[in-house]
Amino acid sequence: MNKLTVLKNVITSKVGRQLLHAQKHSPALLFGAGVVGVVTTVVLASRATLKIDEVLTSMENDKEIADNLAKENNPEYTEMDHQRDLVIIKTRGVMKIARMYAPAVGVGILSIAALTGSHVVLTRRNVALTAAYAALDRGFQDYRKRVVDAYGEDRDRELRYGTVSKEIVEETKQGPVTSVVKRHDPSGISVYARFFDELNANWNRHTEYNLLFLRCQQNYLNDMLHARGHVFLNEAYDALGMDRSQAGAVVGWVLGKGHDNYVDFGVFDGDNPRARDFVNGREGAILLDFNVDGVIFDRI
């Protein structure tokens, strides 16, 4: 391979990479160009407005001359000539004004096109991301269903969250008895799950209050689901006083065939040891695992 071919390949590679970067950041570039164009449009229109008095004054002067000639009753200057001159004066004035505002109009059109292009690109990317996210979520749900069918819900929960074993020593009449208890590993929790603990503004040291609060919020979200037909996960976070997430903007619950058709925090699940401890007052925090239907942004 000669040097010329190598140089050509290097230049092509760099140009291609630069084009790729430009395409990647095209929404921001188009939006920035649109904003700059809008400002430029205002400046150009303002400058044209400052000069419009000269054009209007010139039109008034020419019209006054034509009117004076018509009043003189000159046989060589008929009424038809007068009307023709008025049309010419107005036409020339309008053309001068149009030329003055033409740059502002042109830049304004380009600015609107740039802003619209930025919106279109972002919309297409959001649609593509939502579709990809929905496909990934469907694949994950199908995988979980196969795990449940093959090994059961308990094994699915262990594989999903991860578990840690903890030895508990209890004093009995026969002496100390050691038992091993499996608990969910906090490092392996669901991407949607959140802890409800003392860091939450709605948490109370009395377990009864926490249970009442969670039950009321769960009922409220279920009422919203059946009244409106859908609930986003971020709306559940808001009701619980938790920070929103990016996934929560597209994930949630929707009424329809093949869905749970109810909102559940997993708090009152009798099969969850941590939930039992929380309900019975032995645990001060609880992991809320929401039974979301997956991506609903494209279903409503």
C-alpha atoms as a PDB file:
ATOM      1  CA  MET A   1       0.000   0.000   0.000  1.00  0.00           C
ATOM      2  CA  ASN A   2       1.549   3.312  -1.087  1.00  0.00           C
ATOM      3  CA  LYS A   3       1.747   6.483   0.992  1.00  0.00           C
ATOM      4  CA  LEU A   4      -0.960   8.215  -1.030  1.00  0.00           C
ATOM      5  CA  THR A   5      -3.457   5.435  -0.236  1.00  0.00           C
ATOM      6  CA  VAL A   6      -2.536   5.514   3.463  1.00  0.00           C
ATOM      7  CA  LEU A   7      -2.977   9.306   3.570  1.00  0.00           C
ATOM      8  CA  LYS A   8      -6.316   9.018   1.788  1.00  0.00           C
ATOM      9  CA  ASN A   9      -7.530   6.422   4.295  1.00  0.00           C
ATOM     10  CA  VAL A  10      -6.446   8.560   7.256  1.00  0.00           C
ATOM     11  CA  ILE A  11      -8.223  11.635   5.902  1.00  0.00           C
ATOM     12  CA  THR A  12     -11.367   9.619   5.126  1.00  0.00           C
ATOM     13  CA  SER A  13     -11.348   8.123   8.609  1.00  0.00           C
ATOM     14  CA  LYS A  14     -10.988  11.521  10.303  1.00  0.00           C
ATOM     15  CA  VAL A  15     -13.668  13.109   8.146  1.00  0.00           C
ATOM     16  CA  GLY A  16     -16.014  10.204   8.813  1.00  0.00           C
ATOM     17  CA  ARG A  17     -15.428  10.470  12.565  1.00  0.00           C
ATOM     18  CA  GLN A  18     -16.058  14.212  12.504  1.00  0.00           C
ATOM     19  CA  LEU A  19     -19.294  13.660  10.575  1.00  0.00           C
ATOM     20  CA  LEU A  20     -20.321  11.037  13.126  1.00  0.00           C
ATOM     21  CA  HIS A  21     -19.697  13.461  15.996  1.00  0.00           C
ATOM     22  CA  ALA A  22     -21.650  16.155  14.190  1.00  0.00           C
ATOM     23  CA  GLN A  23     -24.557  13.771  13.640  1.00  0.00           C
ATOM     24  CA  LYS A  24     -24.445  12.701  17.281  1.00  0.00           C
ATOM     25  CA  HIS A  25     -24.637  16.287  18.531  1.00  0.00           C
ATOM     26  CA  SER A  26     -26.912  17.512  15.735  1.00  0.00           C
ATOM     27  CA  PRO A  27     -29.893  18.300  18.042  1.00  0.00           C
ATOM     28  CA  ALA A  28     -27.757  20.590  20.198  1.00  0.00           C
ATOM     29  CA  LEU A  29     -26.104  22.153  17.155  1.00  0.00           C
ATOM     30  CA  LEU A  30     -29.431  22.749  15.418  1.00  0.00           C
ATOM     31  CA  PHE A  31     -30.992  24.158  18.572  1.00  0.00           C
ATOM     32  CA  GLY A  32     -28.027  26.490  19.123  1.00  0.00           C
ATOM     33  CA  ALA A  33     -28.136  27.617  15.503  1.00  0.00           C
ATOM     34  CA  GLY A  34     -31.878  28.212  15.818  1.00  0.00           C
ATOM     35  CA  VAL A  35     -31.470  30.345  18.941  1.00  0.00           C
ATOM     36  CA  VAL A  36     -28.695  32.390  17.340  1.00  0.00           C
ATOM     37  CA  GLY A  37     -30.834  32.754  14.227  1.00  0.00           C
ATOM     38  CA  VAL A  38     -33.803  34.016  16.237  1.00  0.00           C
ATOM     39  CA  VAL A  39     -31.636  36.678  17.882  1.00  0.00           C
ATOM     40  CA  THR A  40     -30.189  37.627  14.496  1.00  0.00           C
ATOM     41  CA  THR A  41     -33.695  37.868  13.065  1.00  0.00           C
ATOM     42  CA  VAL A  42     -34.714  40.318  15.774  1.00  0.00           C
ATOM     43  CA  VAL A  43     -31.614  42.443  15.164  1.00  0.00           C
ATOM     44  CA  LEU A  44     -32.097  42.537  11.382  1.00  0.00           C
ATOM     45  CA  ALA A  45     -35.803  43.317  11.742  1.00  0.00           C
ATOM     46  CA  SER A  46     -35.005  46.136  14.169  1.00  0.00           C
ATOM     47  CA  ARG A  47     -32.498  47.641  11.751  1.00  0.00           C
ATOM     48  CA  ALA A  48     -35.007  47.450   8.910  1.00  0.00           C
ATOM     49  CA  THR A  49     -37.642  49.108  11.076  1.00  0.00           C
ATOM     50  CA  LEU A  50     -35.315  52.036  11.757  1.00  0.00           C
ATOM     51  CA  LYS A  51     -35.019  52.647   8.000  1.00  0.00           C
ATOM     52  CA  ILE A  52     -38.677  52.206   7.145  1.00  0.00           C
ATOM     53  CA  ASP A  53     -39.498  55.855   7.921  1.00  0.00           C
ATOM     54  CA  GLU A  54     -37.306  56.949   4.998  1.00  0.00           C
ATOM     55  CA  VAL A  55     -39.221  54.706   2.599  1.00  0.00           C
ATOM     56  CA  LEU A  56     -42.606  55.813   3.912  1.00  0.00           C
ATOM     57  CA  THR A  57     -41.598  59.472   3.710  1.00  0.00           C
ATOM     58  CA  SER A  58     -40.393  59.024   0.131  1.00  0.00           C
ATOM     59  CA  MET A  59     -43.716  57.346  -0.761  1.00  0.00           C
ATOM     60  CA  GLU A  60     -45.680  60.206   0.794  1.00  0.00           C
ATOM     61  CA  ASN A  61     -43.628  62.781  -1.123  1.00  0.00           C
ATOM     62  CA  ASP A  62     -44.122  61.003  -4.459  1.00  0.00           C
ATOM     63  CA  LYS A  63     -47.839  60.626  -3.740  1.00  0.00           C
ATOM     64  CA  GLU A  64     -48.116  64.314  -2.913  1.00  0.00           C
ATOM     65  CA  ILE A  65     -46.439  65.247  -6.216  1.00  0.00           C
ATOM     66  CA  ALA A  66     -48.825  62.994  -8.138  1.00  0.00           C
ATOM     67  CA  ASP A  67     -51.831  64.486  -6.315  1.00  0.00           C
ATOM     68  CA  ASN A  68     -50.687  68.029  -7.061  1.00  0.00           C
ATOM     69  CA  LEU A  69     -50.300  67.210 -10.737  1.00  0.00           C
ATOM     70  CA  ALA A  70     -53.807  65.781 -10.797  1.00  0.00           C
ATOM     71  CA  LYS A  71     -55.222  68.951  -9.193  1.00  0.00           C
ATOM     72  CA  GLU A  72     -53.710  71.130 -11.922  1.00  0.00           C
ATOM     73  CA  ASN A  73     -56.130  69.598 -14.448  1.00  0.00           C
ATOM     74  CA  ASN A  74     -53.347  69.207 -16.979  1.00  0.00           C
ATOM     75  CA  PRO A  75     -54.840  67.512 -20.075  1.00  0.00           C
ATOM     76  CA  GLU A  76     -51.569  65.666 -20.567  1.00  0.00           C
ATOM     77  CA  TYR A  77     -51.894  64.152 -17.065  1.00  0.00           C
ATOM     78  CA  THR A  78     -55.193  62.341 -16.900  1.00  0.00           C
ATOM     79  CA  GLU A  79     -56.872  60.616 -13.972  1.00  0.00           C
ATOM     80  CA  MET A  80     -55.776  57.308 -15.431  1.00  0.00           C
ATOM     81  CA  ASP A  81     -52.164  58.497 -15.323  1.00  0.00           C
ATOM     82  CA  HIS A  82     -52.698  59.606 -11.752  1.00  0.00           C
ATOM     83  CA  GLN A  83     -54.016  56.208 -10.654  1.00  0.00           C
ATOM     84  CA  ARG A  84     -51.222  54.455 -12.532  1.00  0.00           C
ATOM     85  CA  ASP A  85     -48.599  56.561 -10.728  1.00  0.00           C
ATOM     86  CA  LEU A  86     -50.162  55.825  -7.350  1.00  0.00           C
ATOM     87  CA  VAL A  87     -49.965  52.095  -8.067  1.00  0.00           C
ATOM     88  CA  ILE A  88     -46.333  52.443  -9.162  1.00  0.00           C
ATOM     89  CA  ILE A  89     -45.481  54.447  -6.014  1.00  0.00           C
ATOM     90  CA  LYS A  90     -47.083  51.846  -3.735  1.00  0.00           C
ATOM     91  CA  THR A  91     -45.498  48.940  -5.609  1.00  0.00           C
ATOM     92  CA  ARG A  92     -42.019  50.445  -5.426  1.00  0.00           C
ATOM     93  CA  GLY A  93     -42.466  51.214  -1.742  1.00  0.00           C
ATOM     94  CA  VAL A  94     -43.627  47.701  -0.940  1.00  0.00           C
ATOM     95  CA  MET A  95     -40.716  46.224  -2.880  1.00  0.00           C
ATOM     96  CA  LYS A  96     -38.236  48.434  -1.000  1.00  0.00           C
ATOM     97  CA  ILE A  97     -39.763  47.385   2.337  1.00  0.00           C
ATOM     98  CA  ALA A  98     -39.700  43.725   1.279  1.00  0.00           C
ATOM     99  CA  ARG A  99     -36.013  44.001   0.334  1.00  0.00           C
ATOM    100  CA  MET A 100     -35.283  45.623   3.689  1.00  0.00           C
ATOM    101  CA  TYR A 101     -36.980  42.836   5.650  1.00  0.00           C
ATOM    102  CA  ALA A 102     -35.881  40.010   3.329  1.00  0.00           C
ATOM    103  CA  PRO A 103     -32.700  39.171   5.325  1.00  0.00           C
ATOM    104  CA  ALA A 104     -34.675  39.042   8.584  1.00  0.00           C
ATOM    105  CA  VAL A 105     -37.358  36.843   7.025  1.00  0.00           C
ATOM    106  CA  GLY A 106     -34.769  34.527   5.469  1.00  0.00           C
ATOM    107  CA  VAL A 107     -32.831  34.116   8.711  1.00  0.00           C
ATOM    108  CA  GLY A 108     -36.106  33.626  10.586  1.00  0.00           C
ATOM    109  CA  ILE A 109     -37.168  30.812   8.245  1.00  0.00           C
ATOM    110  CA  LEU A 110     -33.790  29.112   8.637  1.00  0.00           C
ATOM    111  CA  SER A 111     -33.999  29.503  12.424  1.00  0.00           C
ATOM    112  CA  ILE A 112     -37.434  27.898  12.546  1.00  0.00           C
ATOM    113  CA  ALA A 113     -36.167  25.096  10.313  1.00  0.00           C
ATOM    114  CA  ALA A 114     -33.193  24.519  12.632  1.00  0.00           C
ATOM    115  CA  LEU A 115     -35.375  24.439  15.767  1.00  0.00           C
ATOM    116  CA  THR A 116     -37.866  22.141  14.061  1.00  0.00           C
ATOM    117  CA  GLY A 117     -35.057  19.879  12.877  1.00  0.00           C
ATOM    118  CA  SER A 118     -33.686  19.641  16.415  1.00  0.00           C
ATOM    119  CA  HIS A 119     -37.122  18.662  17.718  1.00  0.00           C
ATOM    120  CA  VAL A 120     -37.629  16.076  14.966  1.00  0.00           C
ATOM    121  CA  VAL A 121     -34.232  14.456  15.584  1.00  0.00           C
ATOM    122  CA  LEU A 122     -34.837  14.265  19.341  1.00  0.00           C
ATOM    123  CA  THR A 123     -38.332  12.866  18.821  1.00  0.00           C
ATOM    124  CA  ARG A 124     -37.044  10.149  16.502  1.00  0.00           C
ATOM    125  CA  ARG A 125     -34.277   9.245  18.919  1.00  0.00           C
ATOM    126  CA  ASN A 126     -36.715   9.101  21.844  1.00  0.00           C
ATOM    127  CA  VAL A 127     -39.006   6.814  19.851  1.00  0.00           C
ATOM    128  CA  ALA A 128     -36.071   4.564  18.969  1.00  0.00           C
ATOM    129  CA  LEU A 129     -34.832   4.501  22.577  1.00  0.00           C
ATOM    130  CA  THR A 130     -38.316   3.732  23.881  1.00  0.00           C
ATOM    131  CA  ALA A 131     -38.687   0.881  21.390  1.00  0.00           C
ATOM    132  CA  ALA A 132     -35.276  -0.516  22.327  1.00  0.00           C
ATOM    133  CA  TYR A 133     -36.052  -0.199  26.037  1.00  0.00           C
ATOM    134  CA  ALA A 134     -39.423  -1.891  25.546  1.00  0.00           C
ATOM    135  CA  ALA A 135     -37.806  -4.778  23.656  1.00  0.00           C
ATOM    136  CA  LEU A 136     -35.180  -5.188  26.389  1.00  0.00           C
ATOM    137  CA  ASP A 137     -37.855  -5.096  29.088  1.00  0.00           C
ATOM    138  CA  ARG A 138     -39.983  -7.690  27.282  1.00  0.00           C
ATOM    139  CA  GLY A 139     -36.964  -9.955  26.973  1.00  0.00           C
ATOM    140  CA  PHE A 140     -36.232  -9.597  30.682  1.00  0.00           C
ATOM    141  CA  GLN A 141     -39.844 -10.309  31.665  1.00  0.00           C
ATOM    142  CA  ASP A 142     -39.921 -13.387  29.430  1.00  0.00           C
ATOM    143  CA  TYR A 143     -36.676 -14.573  31.009  1.00  0.00           C
ATOM    144  CA  ARG A 144     -38.102 -14.095  34.518  1.00  0.00           C
ATOM    145  CA  LYS A 145     -41.224 -16.019  33.564  1.00  0.00           C
ATOM    146  CA  ARG A 146     -39.120 -18.959  32.386  1.00  0.00           C
ATOM    147  CA  VAL A 147     -37.150 -18.873  35.658  1.00  0.00           C
ATOM    148  CA  VAL A 148     -40.377 -18.860  37.692  1.00  0.00           C
ATOM    149  CA  ASP A 149     -41.809 -21.736  35.657  1.00  0.00           C
ATOM    150  CA  ALA A 150     -38.641 -23.756  36.076  1.00  0.00           C
ATOM    151  CA  TYR A 151     -37.554 -22.962  39.644  1.00  0.00           C
ATOM    152  CA  GLY A 152     -40.400 -21.071  41.354  1.00  0.00           C
ATOM    153  CA  GLU A 153     -40.908 -17.508  42.580  1.00  0.00           C
ATOM    154  CA  ASP A 154     -38.561 -17.815  45.562  1.00  0.00           C
ATOM    155  CA  ARG A 155     -35.657 -18.830  43.356  1.00  0.00           C
ATOM    156  CA  ASP A 156     -36.538 -16.060  40.903  1.00  0.00           C
ATOM    157  CA  ARG A 157     -36.417 -13.518  43.721  1.00  0.00           C
ATOM    158  CA  GLU A 158     -33.047 -14.823  44.888  1.00  0.00           C
ATOM    159  CA  LEU A 159     -31.566 -14.658  41.396  1.00  0.00           C
ATOM    160  CA  ARG A 160     -33.029 -11.229  40.707  1.00  0.00           C
ATOM    161  CA  TYR A 161     -31.914  -9.464  43.879  1.00  0.00           C
ATOM    162  CA  GLY A 162     -29.162 -11.674  45.182  1.00  0.00           C
ATOM    163  CA  THR A 163     -29.179 -12.985  48.731  1.00  0.00           C
ATOM    164  CA  VAL A 164     -26.867 -12.938  51.713  1.00  0.00           C
ATOM    165  CA  SER A 165     -26.909 -15.455  54.535  1.00  0.00           C
ATOM    166  CA  LYS A 166     -26.867 -14.282  58.129  1.00  0.00           C
ATOM    167  CA  GLU A 167     -26.517 -16.392  61.262  1.00  0.00           C
ATOM    168  CA  ILE A 168     -28.894 -15.557  64.101  1.00  0.00           C
ATOM    169  CA  VAL A 169     -28.296 -16.915  67.599  1.00  0.00           C
ATOM    170  CA  GLU A 170     -31.362 -17.242  69.834  1.00  0.00           C
ATOM    171  CA  GLU A 171     -31.297 -18.142  73.486  1.00  0.00           C
ATOM    172  CA  THR A 172     -33.679 -20.962  74.340  1.00  0.00           C
ATOM    173  CA  LYS A 173     -34.256 -23.195  77.396  1.00  0.00           C
ATOM    174  CA  GLN A 174     -32.103 -25.812  75.762  1.00  0.00           C
ATOM    175  CA  GLY A 175     -29.334 -23.224  75.180  1.00  0.00           C
ATOM    176  CA  PRO A 176     -28.266 -21.054  72.253  1.00  0.00           C
ATOM    177  CA  VAL A 177     -29.703 -22.096  68.894  1.00  0.00           C
ATOM    178  CA  THR A 178     -28.079 -20.870  65.679  1.00  0.00           C
ATOM    179  CA  SER A 179     -30.168 -20.471  62.528  1.00  0.00           C
ATOM    180  CA  VAL A 180     -29.271 -19.197  59.076  1.00  0.00           C
ATOM    181  CA  VAL A 181     -31.577 -16.603  57.510  1.00  0.00           C
ATOM    182  CA  LYS A 182     -31.372 -15.496  53.893  1.00  0.00           C
ATOM    183  CA  ARG A 183     -31.983 -11.830  53.186  1.00  0.00           C
ATOM    184  CA  HIS A 184     -31.973  -9.784  49.991  1.00  0.00           C
ATOM    185  CA  ASP A 185     -28.621  -8.261  49.159  1.00  0.00           C
ATOM    186  CA  PRO A 186     -29.047  -4.438  48.915  1.00  0.00           C
ATOM    187  CA  SER A 187     -26.370  -4.316  46.227  1.00  0.00           C
ATOM    188  CA  GLY A 188     -28.499  -6.452  43.925  1.00  0.00           C
ATOM    189  CA  ILE A 189     -31.844  -4.709  44.155  1.00  0.00           C
ATOM    190  CA  SER A 190     -34.061  -3.961  41.185  1.00  0.00           C
ATOM    191  CA  VAL A 191     -33.388  -0.810  39.178  1.00  0.00           C
ATOM    192  CA  TYR A 192     -36.922   0.311  40.052  1.00  0.00           C
ATOM    193  CA  ALA A 193     -36.903  -0.639  43.752  1.00  0.00           C
ATOM    194  CA  ARG A 194     -36.401   1.982  46.450  1.00  0.00           C
ATOM    195  CA  PHE A 195     -35.856   1.819  50.198  1.00  0.00           C
ATOM    196  CA  PHE A 196     -38.410   3.485  52.449  1.00  0.00           C
ATOM    197  CA  ASP A 197     -36.464   4.349  55.596  1.00  0.00           C
ATOM    198  CA  GLU A 198     -35.603   7.169  57.981  1.00  0.00           C
ATOM    199  CA  LEU A 199     -34.016   9.169  55.138  1.00  0.00           C
ATOM    200  CA  ASN A 200     -37.480   9.675  53.652  1.00  0.00           C
ATOM    201  CA  ALA A 201     -39.361  12.762  54.809  1.00  0.00           C
ATOM    202  CA  ASN A 202     -42.544  10.680  55.231  1.00  0.00           C
ATOM    203  CA  TRP A 203     -40.939   8.046  57.449  1.00  0.00           C
ATOM    204  CA  ASN A 204     -41.994   7.849  61.094  1.00  0.00           C
ATOM    205  CA  ARG A 205     -40.497   5.955  64.008  1.00  0.00           C
ATOM    206  CA  HIS A 206     -43.897   4.373  64.614  1.00  0.00           C
ATOM    207  CA  THR A 207     -44.352   1.364  62.324  1.00  0.00           C
ATOM    208  CA  GLU A 208     -48.125   1.741  62.291  1.00  0.00           C
ATOM    209  CA  TYR A 209     -47.813   5.200  60.740  1.00  0.00           C
ATOM    210  CA  ASN A 210     -45.442   3.947  58.039  1.00  0.00           C
ATOM    211  CA  LEU A 211     -47.784   1.079  57.165  1.00  0.00           C
ATOM    212  CA  LEU A 212     -50.766   3.443  57.008  1.00  0.00           C
ATOM    213  CA  PHE A 213     -48.854   5.892  54.825  1.00  0.00           C
ATOM    214  CA  LEU A 214     -47.701   3.213  52.383  1.00  0.00           C
ATOM    215  CA  ARG A 215     -51.159   1.660  52.237  1.00  0.00           C
ATOM    216  CA  CYS A 216     -52.787   5.036  51.538  1.00  0.00           C
ATOM    217  CA  GLN A 217     -50.320   5.872  48.769  1.00  0.00           C
ATOM    218  CA  GLN A 218     -50.751   2.453  47.204  1.00  0.00           C
ATOM    219  CA  ASN A 219     -54.538   2.845  47.269  1.00  0.00           C
ATOM    220  CA  TYR A 220     -54.244   6.361  45.837  1.00  0.00           C
ATOM    221  CA  LEU A 221     -52.129   5.132  42.919  1.00  0.00           C
ATOM    222  CA  ASN A 222     -54.548   2.270  42.275  1.00  0.00           C
ATOM    223  CA  ASP A 223     -57.435   4.739  42.172  1.00  0.00           C
ATOM    224  CA  MET A 224     -55.435   6.856  39.716  1.00  0.00           C
ATOM    225  CA  LEU A 225     -54.690   3.800  37.583  1.00  0.00           C
ATOM    226  CA  HIS A 226     -58.350   2.804  37.280  1.00  0.00           C
ATOM    227  CA  ALA A 227     -59.544   6.388  36.808  1.00  0.00           C
ATOM    228  CA  ARG A 228     -56.969   7.440  34.225  1.00  0.00           C
ATOM    229  CA  GLY A 229     -55.816   4.134  32.757  1.00  0.00           C
ATOM    230  CA  HIS A 230     -52.105   4.549  33.431  1.00  0.00           C
ATOM    231  CA  VAL A 231     -49.628   5.588  36.120  1.00  0.00           C
ATOM    232  CA  PHE A 232     -45.944   6.335  35.606  1.00  0.00           C
ATOM    233  CA  LEU A 233     -43.353   5.097  38.080  1.00  0.00           C
ATOM    234  CA  ASN A 234     -42.198   8.664  38.680  1.00  0.00           C
ATOM    235  CA  GLU A 235     -45.715   9.479  39.891  1.00  0.00           C
ATOM    236  CA  ALA A 236     -45.357   6.698  42.461  1.00  0.00           C
ATOM    237  CA  TYR A 237     -41.997   8.126  43.500  1.00  0.00           C
ATOM    238  CA  ASP A 238     -43.625  11.552  43.887  1.00  0.00           C
ATOM    239  CA  ALA A 239     -46.395  10.145  46.059  1.00  0.00           C
ATOM    240  CA  LEU A 240     -43.815   8.474  48.312  1.00  0.00           C
ATOM    241  CA  GLY A 241     -41.530  11.511  48.500  1.00  0.00           C
ATOM    242  CA  MET A 242     -38.711   9.885  46.524  1.00  0.00           C
ATOM    243  CA  ASP A 243     -36.487  11.265  43.797  1.00  0.00           C
ATOM    244  CA  ARG A 244     -37.528  10.660  40.212  1.00  0.00           C
ATOM    245  CA  SER A 245     -35.525   8.569  37.760  1.00  0.00           C
ATOM    246  CA  GLN A 246     -35.040   8.569  34.008  1.00  0.00           C
ATOM    247  CA  ALA A 247     -36.590   5.106  33.701  1.00  0.00           C
ATOM    248  CA  GLY A 248     -39.589   6.268  35.731  1.00  0.00           C
ATOM    249  CA  ALA A 249     -40.556   8.630  32.919  1.00  0.00           C
ATOM    250  CA  VAL A 250     -41.439   5.719  30.596  1.00  0.00           C
ATOM    251  CA  VAL A 251     -42.031   2.802  32.981  1.00  0.00           C
ATOM    252  CA  GLY A 252     -45.222   2.262  34.962  1.00  0.00           C
ATOM    253  CA  TRP A 253     -48.626   0.600  35.025  1.00  0.00           C
ATOM    254  CA  VAL A 254     -51.340   0.494  32.377  1.00  0.00           C
ATOM    255  CA  LEU A 255     -54.781  -1.088  32.362  1.00  0.00           C
ATOM    256  CA  GLY A 256     -55.266  -3.820  29.807  1.00  0.00           C
ATOM    257  CA  LYS A 257     -55.210  -7.487  29.051  1.00  0.00           C
ATOM    258  CA  GLY A 258     -52.064  -9.276  30.139  1.00  0.00           C
ATOM    259  CA  HIS A 259     -51.247  -6.807  32.928  1.00  0.00           C
ATOM    260  CA  ASP A 260     -51.670  -6.964  36.699  1.00  0.00           C
ATOM    261  CA  ASN A 261     -54.068  -3.981  36.554  1.00  0.00           C
ATOM    262  CA  TYR A 262     -53.076  -2.926  40.060  1.00  0.00           C
ATOM    263  CA  VAL A 263     -50.197  -1.131  41.773  1.00  0.00           C
ATOM    264  CA  ASP A 264     -48.330  -3.088  44.432  1.00  0.00           C
ATOM    265  CA  PHE A 265     -45.326  -1.990  46.497  1.00  0.00           C
ATOM    266  CA  GLY A 266     -44.574  -5.519  47.713  1.00  0.00           C
ATOM    267  CA  VAL A 267     -44.869  -4.369  51.325  1.00  0.00           C
ATOM    268  CA  PHE A 268     -47.616  -6.727  52.406  1.00  0.00           C
ATOM    269  CA  ASP A 269     -46.217  -9.755  50.595  1.00  0.00           C
ATOM    270  CA  GLY A 270     -46.313 -12.627  53.075  1.00  0.00           C
ATOM    271  CA  ASP A 271     -43.557 -14.478  51.182  1.00  0.00           C
ATOM    272  CA  ASN A 272     -41.060 -11.669  51.707  1.00  0.00           C
ATOM    273  CA  PRO A 273     -39.203 -12.100  55.038  1.00  0.00           C
ATOM    274  CA  ARG A 274     -38.050  -8.488  55.090  1.00  0.00           C
ATOM    275  CA  ALA A 275     -41.608  -7.303  54.496  1.00  0.00           C
ATOM    276  CA  ARG A 276     -42.841  -9.474  57.356  1.00  0.00           C
ATOM    277  CA  ASP A 277     -40.219  -7.975  59.659  1.00  0.00           C
ATOM    278  CA  PHE A 278     -41.248  -4.473  58.613  1.00  0.00           C
ATOM    279  CA  VAL A 279     -44.956  -5.146  59.091  1.00  0.00           C
ATOM    280  CA  ASN A 280     -44.295  -6.695  62.492  1.00  0.00           C
ATOM    281  CA  GLY A 281     -42.144  -3.788  63.582  1.00  0.00           C
ATOM    282  CA  ARG A 282     -38.835  -5.690  63.696  1.00  0.00           C
ATOM    283  CA  GLU A 283     -37.385  -3.822  60.698  1.00  0.00           C
ATOM    284  CA  GLY A 284     -37.141  -0.026  60.415  1.00  0.00           C
ATOM    285  CA  ALA A 285     -36.774   0.046  56.621  1.00  0.00           C
ATOM    286  CA  ILE A 286     -38.440  -1.726  53.735  1.00  0.00           C
ATOM    287  CA  LEU A 287     -37.453  -2.277  50.117  1.00  0.00           C
ATOM    288  CA  LEU A 288     -40.358  -1.264  47.903  1.00  0.00           C
ATOM    289  CA  ASP A 289     -40.327  -3.403  44.772  1.00  0.00           C
ATOM    290  CA  PHE A 290     -42.907  -2.048  42.343  1.00  0.00           C
ATOM    291  CA  ASN A 291     -44.795  -4.474  40.097  1.00  0.00           C
ATOM    292  CA  VAL A 292     -44.517  -2.235  37.045  1.00  0.00           C
ATOM    293  CA  ASP A 293     -45.801  -3.458  33.690  1.00  0.00           C
ATOM    294  CA  GLY A 294     -42.626  -2.269  31.978  1.00  0.00           C
ATOM    295  CA  VAL A 295     -42.450   0.486  29.388  1.00  0.00           C
ATOM    296  CA  ILE A 296     -45.892   2.059  28.967  1.00  0.00           C
ATOM    297  CA  PHE A 297     -44.898   5.252  27.150  1.00  0.00           C
ATOM    298  CA  ASP A 298     -45.759   3.656  23.806  1.00  0.00           C
ATOM    299  CA  ARG A 299     -49.022   2.088  25.062  1.00  0.00           C
ATOM    300  CA  ILE A 300     -50.991   5.159  26.140  1.00  0.00           C
END
